[in-house]
């Protein structure tokens, strides 16, 4: 897997490649993932991809996913005409995608492609509406991990204010032949 990542370490660490041309997970510390890396980590695509980039990554412990909300997104055609509001369920999906990408990217070096499956949503609360022009930050903090399952606490923020919060669970599985 060839990834563009951002790291505080050397150029070799940033590329994630050791002298033999193989991935060297011991030298790689992901701190941010641009859209190209997010697309390699997640199966979702437009219009259902809810994360434009990820920053402040710390292993599988914490990350902030970024979503720039624009008026031309298809959900605003019906939610709500003349008064566009970003759907709450998509805020939860953005949290889950940020957590899922964090799970996959923290496991760099694996030879097999991985897929993330949503397990649980708990304690979801919606605080304020999100509208076109807002930038959503999905702050995801690991609560627990058991084998291939992770649980995260998430806060979606706009301009530093919580607009949504929830706890989500995810499971990582290897992709079988055929997808």
C-alpha atoms as a PDB file:
ATOM      1  CA  UNK A   1       0.000   0.000   0.000  1.00  0.00           C
ATOM      2  CA  UNK A   2       1.474   3.367  -0.983  1.00  0.00           C
ATOM      3  CA  UNK A   3       0.293   6.167   1.312  1.00  0.00           C
ATOM      4  CA  UNK A   4       0.971   9.875   1.598  1.00  0.00           C
ATOM      5  CA  UNK A   5       1.147  10.594   5.306  1.00  0.00           C
ATOM      6  CA  UNK A   6       2.395  13.381   7.518  1.00  0.00           C
ATOM      7  CA  UNK A   7       4.874  12.609  10.280  1.00  0.00           C
ATOM      8  CA  UNK A   8       7.341  14.330  12.577  1.00  0.00           C
ATOM      9  CA  UNK A   9       9.944  11.731  11.650  1.00  0.00           C
ATOM     10  CA  UNK A  10      12.264  11.421   8.662  1.00  0.00           C
ATOM     11  CA  UNK A  11      11.334  11.354   4.981  1.00  0.00           C
ATOM     12  CA  UNK A  12      11.583   7.545   5.093  1.00  0.00           C
ATOM     13  CA  UNK A  13       9.096   7.513   7.952  1.00  0.00           C
ATOM     14  CA  UNK A  14       6.808   9.908   6.083  1.00  0.00           C
ATOM     15  CA  UNK A  15       6.766   7.621   3.087  1.00  0.00           C
ATOM     16  CA  UNK A  16       6.327   4.615   5.347  1.00  0.00           C
ATOM     17  CA  UNK A  17       8.853   2.705   3.268  1.00  0.00           C
ATOM     18  CA  UNK A  18      12.035   1.166   4.620  1.00  0.00           C
ATOM     19  CA  UNK A  19      15.223   0.630   2.593  1.00  0.00           C
ATOM     20  CA  UNK A  20      13.831  -2.572   1.087  1.00  0.00           C
ATOM     21  CA  UNK A  21      10.747  -0.857  -0.374  1.00  0.00           C
ATOM     22  CA  UNK A  22       8.410  -2.502   2.153  1.00  0.00           C
ATOM     23  CA  UNK A  23       6.153  -0.780   4.670  1.00  0.00           C
ATOM     24  CA  UNK A  24       7.964  -0.288   7.986  1.00  0.00           C
ATOM     25  CA  UNK A  25       5.320   0.217  10.658  1.00  0.00           C
ATOM     26  CA  UNK A  26       7.912   0.787  13.377  1.00  0.00           C
ATOM     27  CA  UNK A  27       9.117   3.951  11.625  1.00  0.00           C
ATOM     28  CA  UNK A  28       5.694   5.274  10.681  1.00  0.00           C
ATOM     29  CA  UNK A  29       3.745   7.603  12.941  1.00  0.00           C
ATOM     30  CA  UNK A  30       0.608   8.892  11.264  1.00  0.00           C
ATOM     31  CA  UNK A  31      -0.451  12.353  12.327  1.00  0.00           C
ATOM     32  CA  UNK A  32      -2.662  13.339   9.408  1.00  0.00           C
ATOM     33  CA  UNK A  33      -4.359  11.764   6.432  1.00  0.00           C
ATOM     34  CA  UNK A  34      -5.316  13.712   3.321  1.00  0.00           C
ATOM     35  CA  UNK A  35      -8.242  12.739   1.094  1.00  0.00           C
ATOM     36  CA  UNK A  36      -6.144  10.232  -0.888  1.00  0.00           C
ATOM     37  CA  UNK A  37      -5.279   8.332   2.298  1.00  0.00           C
ATOM     38  CA  UNK A  38      -8.870   8.514   3.559  1.00  0.00           C
ATOM     39  CA  UNK A  39     -10.081   7.034   0.259  1.00  0.00           C
ATOM     40  CA  UNK A  40      -7.622   4.131   0.605  1.00  0.00           C
ATOM     41  CA  UNK A  41      -8.724   3.460   4.195  1.00  0.00           C
ATOM     42  CA  UNK A  42     -12.511   3.656   3.671  1.00  0.00           C
ATOM     43  CA  UNK A  43     -14.818   2.028   1.106  1.00  0.00           C
ATOM     44  CA  UNK A  44     -17.294   4.955   1.089  1.00  0.00           C
ATOM     45  CA  UNK A  45     -17.334   7.320  -1.880  1.00  0.00           C
ATOM     46  CA  UNK A  46     -19.181  10.512  -2.784  1.00  0.00           C
ATOM     47  CA  UNK A  47     -21.884  11.308  -1.915  1.00  0.00           C
ATOM     48  CA  UNK A  48     -21.561   9.128   1.187  1.00  0.00           C
ATOM     49  CA  UNK A  49     -17.973   9.942   2.193  1.00  0.00           C
ATOM     50  CA  UNK A  50     -18.296  12.231   5.229  1.00  0.00           C
ATOM     51  CA  UNK A  51     -14.595  12.853   5.950  1.00  0.00           C
ATOM     52  CA  UNK A  52     -12.401  15.115   3.801  1.00  0.00           C
ATOM     53  CA  UNK A  53      -9.223  14.675   5.867  1.00  0.00           C
ATOM     54  CA  UNK A  54      -8.022  13.564   9.293  1.00  0.00           C
ATOM     55  CA  UNK A  55      -5.599  15.389  11.577  1.00  0.00           C
ATOM     56  CA  UNK A  56      -4.059  15.068  15.052  1.00  0.00           C
ATOM     57  CA  UNK A  57      -3.929  11.261  14.795  1.00  0.00           C
ATOM     58  CA  UNK A  58      -2.402   9.431  17.762  1.00  0.00           C
ATOM     59  CA  UNK A  59      -2.256   5.721  16.925  1.00  0.00           C
ATOM     60  CA  UNK A  60      -5.736   4.306  17.440  1.00  0.00           C
ATOM     61  CA  UNK A  61      -6.310   6.542  20.492  1.00  0.00           C
ATOM     62  CA  UNK A  62      -7.511   9.834  19.003  1.00  0.00           C
ATOM     63  CA  UNK A  63      -8.075  11.766  15.776  1.00  0.00           C
ATOM     64  CA  UNK A  64     -10.040  14.658  14.355  1.00  0.00           C
ATOM     65  CA  UNK A  65     -11.886  14.095  11.084  1.00  0.00           C
ATOM     66  CA  UNK A  66     -12.729  17.178   9.022  1.00  0.00           C
ATOM     67  CA  UNK A  67     -15.854  17.626   6.860  1.00  0.00           C
ATOM     68  CA  UNK A  68     -16.423  20.817   4.875  1.00  0.00           C
ATOM     69  CA  UNK A  69     -20.167  21.224   4.389  1.00  0.00           C
ATOM     70  CA  UNK A  70     -21.187  22.715   1.033  1.00  0.00           C
ATOM     71  CA  UNK A  71     -24.628  23.716  -0.216  1.00  0.00           C
ATOM     72  CA  UNK A  72     -24.337  21.568  -3.376  1.00  0.00           C
ATOM     73  CA  UNK A  73     -24.388  18.259  -1.437  1.00  0.00           C
ATOM     74  CA  UNK A  74     -27.332  16.040  -2.438  1.00  0.00           C
ATOM     75  CA  UNK A  75     -28.844  15.730   1.055  1.00  0.00           C
ATOM     76  CA  UNK A  76     -29.774  19.416   0.992  1.00  0.00           C
ATOM     77  CA  UNK A  77     -32.222  18.866  -1.886  1.00  0.00           C
ATOM     78  CA  UNK A  78     -34.654  17.353   0.594  1.00  0.00           C
ATOM     79  CA  UNK A  79     -33.289  18.277   4.043  1.00  0.00           C
ATOM     80  CA  UNK A  80     -34.742  20.926   3.967  1.00  0.00           C
ATOM     81  CA  UNK A  81     -35.568  22.944   0.803  1.00  0.00           C
ATOM     82  CA  UNK A  82     -35.087  26.640   1.551  1.00  0.00           C
ATOM     83  CA  UNK A  83     -33.573  25.866   4.966  1.00  0.00           C
ATOM     84  CA  UNK A  84     -30.690  23.396   4.453  1.00  0.00           C
ATOM     85  CA  UNK A  85     -29.688  21.481   7.607  1.00  0.00           C
ATOM     86  CA  UNK A  86     -27.043  18.751   7.608  1.00  0.00           C
ATOM     87  CA  UNK A  87     -28.799  15.497   8.681  1.00  0.00           C
ATOM     88  CA  UNK A  88     -27.944  14.273  12.182  1.00  0.00           C
ATOM     89  CA  UNK A  89     -27.570  10.703  10.971  1.00  0.00           C
ATOM     90  CA  UNK A  90     -24.758  11.889   8.673  1.00  0.00           C
ATOM     91  CA  UNK A  91     -23.012  13.493  11.655  1.00  0.00           C
ATOM     92  CA  UNK A  92     -23.004  10.049  13.281  1.00  0.00           C
ATOM     93  CA  UNK A  93     -21.765   8.533   9.997  1.00  0.00           C
ATOM     94  CA  UNK A  94     -18.907  11.070   9.911  1.00  0.00           C
ATOM     95  CA  UNK A  95     -17.921  10.015  13.433  1.00  0.00           C
ATOM     96  CA  UNK A  96     -18.025   6.360  12.430  1.00  0.00           C
ATOM     97  CA  UNK A  97     -15.962   6.990   9.281  1.00  0.00           C
ATOM     98  CA  UNK A  98     -13.337   8.931  11.243  1.00  0.00           C
ATOM     99  CA  UNK A  99     -13.127   6.121  13.808  1.00  0.00           C
ATOM    100  CA  UNK A 100     -13.033   3.466  11.078  1.00  0.00           C
ATOM    101  CA  UNK A 101     -10.221   5.197   9.213  1.00  0.00           C
ATOM    102  CA  UNK A 102      -8.327   5.524  12.503  1.00  0.00           C
ATOM    103  CA  UNK A 103      -8.682   1.765  13.108  1.00  0.00           C
ATOM    104  CA  UNK A 104      -7.458   0.861   9.609  1.00  0.00           C
ATOM    105  CA  UNK A 105      -4.638   3.417   9.462  1.00  0.00           C
ATOM    106  CA  UNK A 106      -3.335   2.475  12.916  1.00  0.00           C
ATOM    107  CA  UNK A 107      -2.791  -1.050  11.544  1.00  0.00           C
ATOM    108  CA  UNK A 108      -0.477  -0.043   8.681  1.00  0.00           C
ATOM    109  CA  UNK A 109       1.854  -2.726   7.490  1.00  0.00           C
ATOM    110  CA  UNK A 110      -0.791  -5.415   7.127  1.00  0.00           C
ATOM    111  CA  UNK A 111      -0.672  -7.271   3.845  1.00  0.00           C
ATOM    112  CA  UNK A 112      -4.430  -7.693   3.459  1.00  0.00           C
ATOM    113  CA  UNK A 113      -6.962  -4.942   2.734  1.00  0.00           C
ATOM    114  CA  UNK A 114      -9.369  -4.249   5.566  1.00  0.00           C
ATOM    115  CA  UNK A 115     -13.006  -3.189   5.759  1.00  0.00           C
ATOM    116  CA  UNK A 116     -14.670  -1.478   8.716  1.00  0.00           C
ATOM    117  CA  UNK A 117     -18.194  -2.365   9.832  1.00  0.00           C
ATOM    118  CA  UNK A 118     -20.397  -0.272  12.113  1.00  0.00           C
ATOM    119  CA  UNK A 119     -21.359  -2.173  15.305  1.00  0.00           C
ATOM    120  CA  UNK A 120     -23.093   0.196  17.712  1.00  0.00           C
ATOM    121  CA  UNK A 121     -24.389   3.716  18.271  1.00  0.00           C
ATOM    122  CA  UNK A 122     -25.023   4.752  21.864  1.00  0.00           C
ATOM    123  CA  UNK A 123     -25.733   7.953  23.774  1.00  0.00           C
ATOM    124  CA  UNK A 124     -26.333  10.028  20.633  1.00  0.00           C
ATOM    125  CA  UNK A 125     -27.330  13.640  21.254  1.00  0.00           C
ATOM    126  CA  UNK A 126     -27.851  16.427  18.753  1.00  0.00           C
ATOM    127  CA  UNK A 127     -27.128  19.920  20.093  1.00  0.00           C
ATOM    128  CA  UNK A 128     -27.190  22.446  17.233  1.00  0.00           C
ATOM    129  CA  UNK A 129     -27.968  22.450  13.509  1.00  0.00           C
ATOM    130  CA  UNK A 130     -25.122  22.264  10.997  1.00  0.00           C
ATOM    131  CA  UNK A 131     -25.574  24.287   7.811  1.00  0.00           C
ATOM    132  CA  UNK A 132     -23.731  24.789   4.515  1.00  0.00           C
ATOM    133  CA  UNK A 133     -20.526  26.732   5.028  1.00  0.00           C
ATOM    134  CA  UNK A 134     -19.770  25.025   8.355  1.00  0.00           C
ATOM    135  CA  UNK A 135     -16.656  22.925   8.908  1.00  0.00           C
ATOM    136  CA  UNK A 136     -17.360  19.924  11.113  1.00  0.00           C
ATOM    137  CA  UNK A 137     -14.605  18.466  13.294  1.00  0.00           C
ATOM    138  CA  UNK A 138     -15.225  14.864  14.393  1.00  0.00           C
ATOM    139  CA  UNK A 139     -13.206  14.470  17.624  1.00  0.00           C
ATOM    140  CA  UNK A 140     -12.891  10.717  18.209  1.00  0.00           C
ATOM    141  CA  UNK A 141     -11.357   9.219  21.360  1.00  0.00           C
ATOM    142  CA  UNK A 142     -10.917   5.469  21.876  1.00  0.00           C
ATOM    143  CA  UNK A 143     -12.873   4.047  24.800  1.00  0.00           C
ATOM    144  CA  UNK A 144     -11.898   0.385  24.428  1.00  0.00           C
ATOM    145  CA  UNK A 145     -10.578  -2.248  22.069  1.00  0.00           C
ATOM    146  CA  UNK A 146     -11.121  -6.017  22.028  1.00  0.00           C
ATOM    147  CA  UNK A 147      -9.370  -7.879  19.227  1.00  0.00           C
ATOM    148  CA  UNK A 148     -10.763  -6.440  15.984  1.00  0.00           C
ATOM    149  CA  UNK A 149     -13.442  -4.303  17.665  1.00  0.00           C
ATOM    150  CA  UNK A 150     -13.079  -0.704  18.797  1.00  0.00           C
ATOM    151  CA  UNK A 151     -15.381   1.677  20.682  1.00  0.00           C
ATOM    152  CA  UNK A 152     -15.015   5.454  20.466  1.00  0.00           C
ATOM    153  CA  UNK A 153     -16.541   8.513  22.073  1.00  0.00           C
ATOM    154  CA  UNK A 154     -17.191  11.195  19.491  1.00  0.00           C
ATOM    155  CA  UNK A 155     -17.948  14.875  19.555  1.00  0.00           C
ATOM    156  CA  UNK A 156     -18.827  16.722  16.363  1.00  0.00           C
ATOM    157  CA  UNK A 157     -17.879  20.377  16.692  1.00  0.00           C
ATOM    158  CA  UNK A 158     -18.418  23.497  14.597  1.00  0.00           C
ATOM    159  CA  UNK A 159     -16.395  26.564  15.588  1.00  0.00           C
ATOM    160  CA  UNK A 160     -15.445  24.813  18.841  1.00  0.00           C
ATOM    161  CA  UNK A 161     -19.057  24.160  19.890  1.00  0.00           C
ATOM    162  CA  UNK A 162     -20.432  20.632  20.222  1.00  0.00           C
ATOM    163  CA  UNK A 163     -23.204  20.031  17.682  1.00  0.00           C
ATOM    164  CA  UNK A 164     -23.496  16.263  18.189  1.00  0.00           C
ATOM    165  CA  UNK A 165     -22.048  13.582  20.444  1.00  0.00           C
ATOM    166  CA  UNK A 166     -22.242   9.795  20.514  1.00  0.00           C
ATOM    167  CA  UNK A 167     -20.400   6.586  21.283  1.00  0.00           C
ATOM    168  CA  UNK A 168     -19.808   4.327  18.283  1.00  0.00           C
ATOM    169  CA  UNK A 169     -18.423   0.828  17.856  1.00  0.00           C
ATOM    170  CA  UNK A 170     -16.638  -0.598  14.825  1.00  0.00           C
ATOM    171  CA  UNK A 171     -15.180  -3.908  13.719  1.00  0.00           C
ATOM    172  CA  UNK A 172     -12.322  -4.353  11.255  1.00  0.00           C
ATOM    173  CA  UNK A 173     -12.384  -7.429   9.008  1.00  0.00           C
ATOM    174  CA  UNK A 174     -10.158  -8.573   6.184  1.00  0.00           C
ATOM    175  CA  UNK A 175     -11.640  -8.123   2.736  1.00  0.00           C
ATOM    176  CA  UNK A 176     -12.292 -11.482   1.112  1.00  0.00           C
ATOM    177  CA  UNK A 177     -11.711 -12.055  -2.573  1.00  0.00           C
ATOM    178  CA  UNK A 178     -14.427 -10.348  -4.526  1.00  0.00           C
ATOM    179  CA  UNK A 179     -14.828  -7.446  -2.126  1.00  0.00           C
END
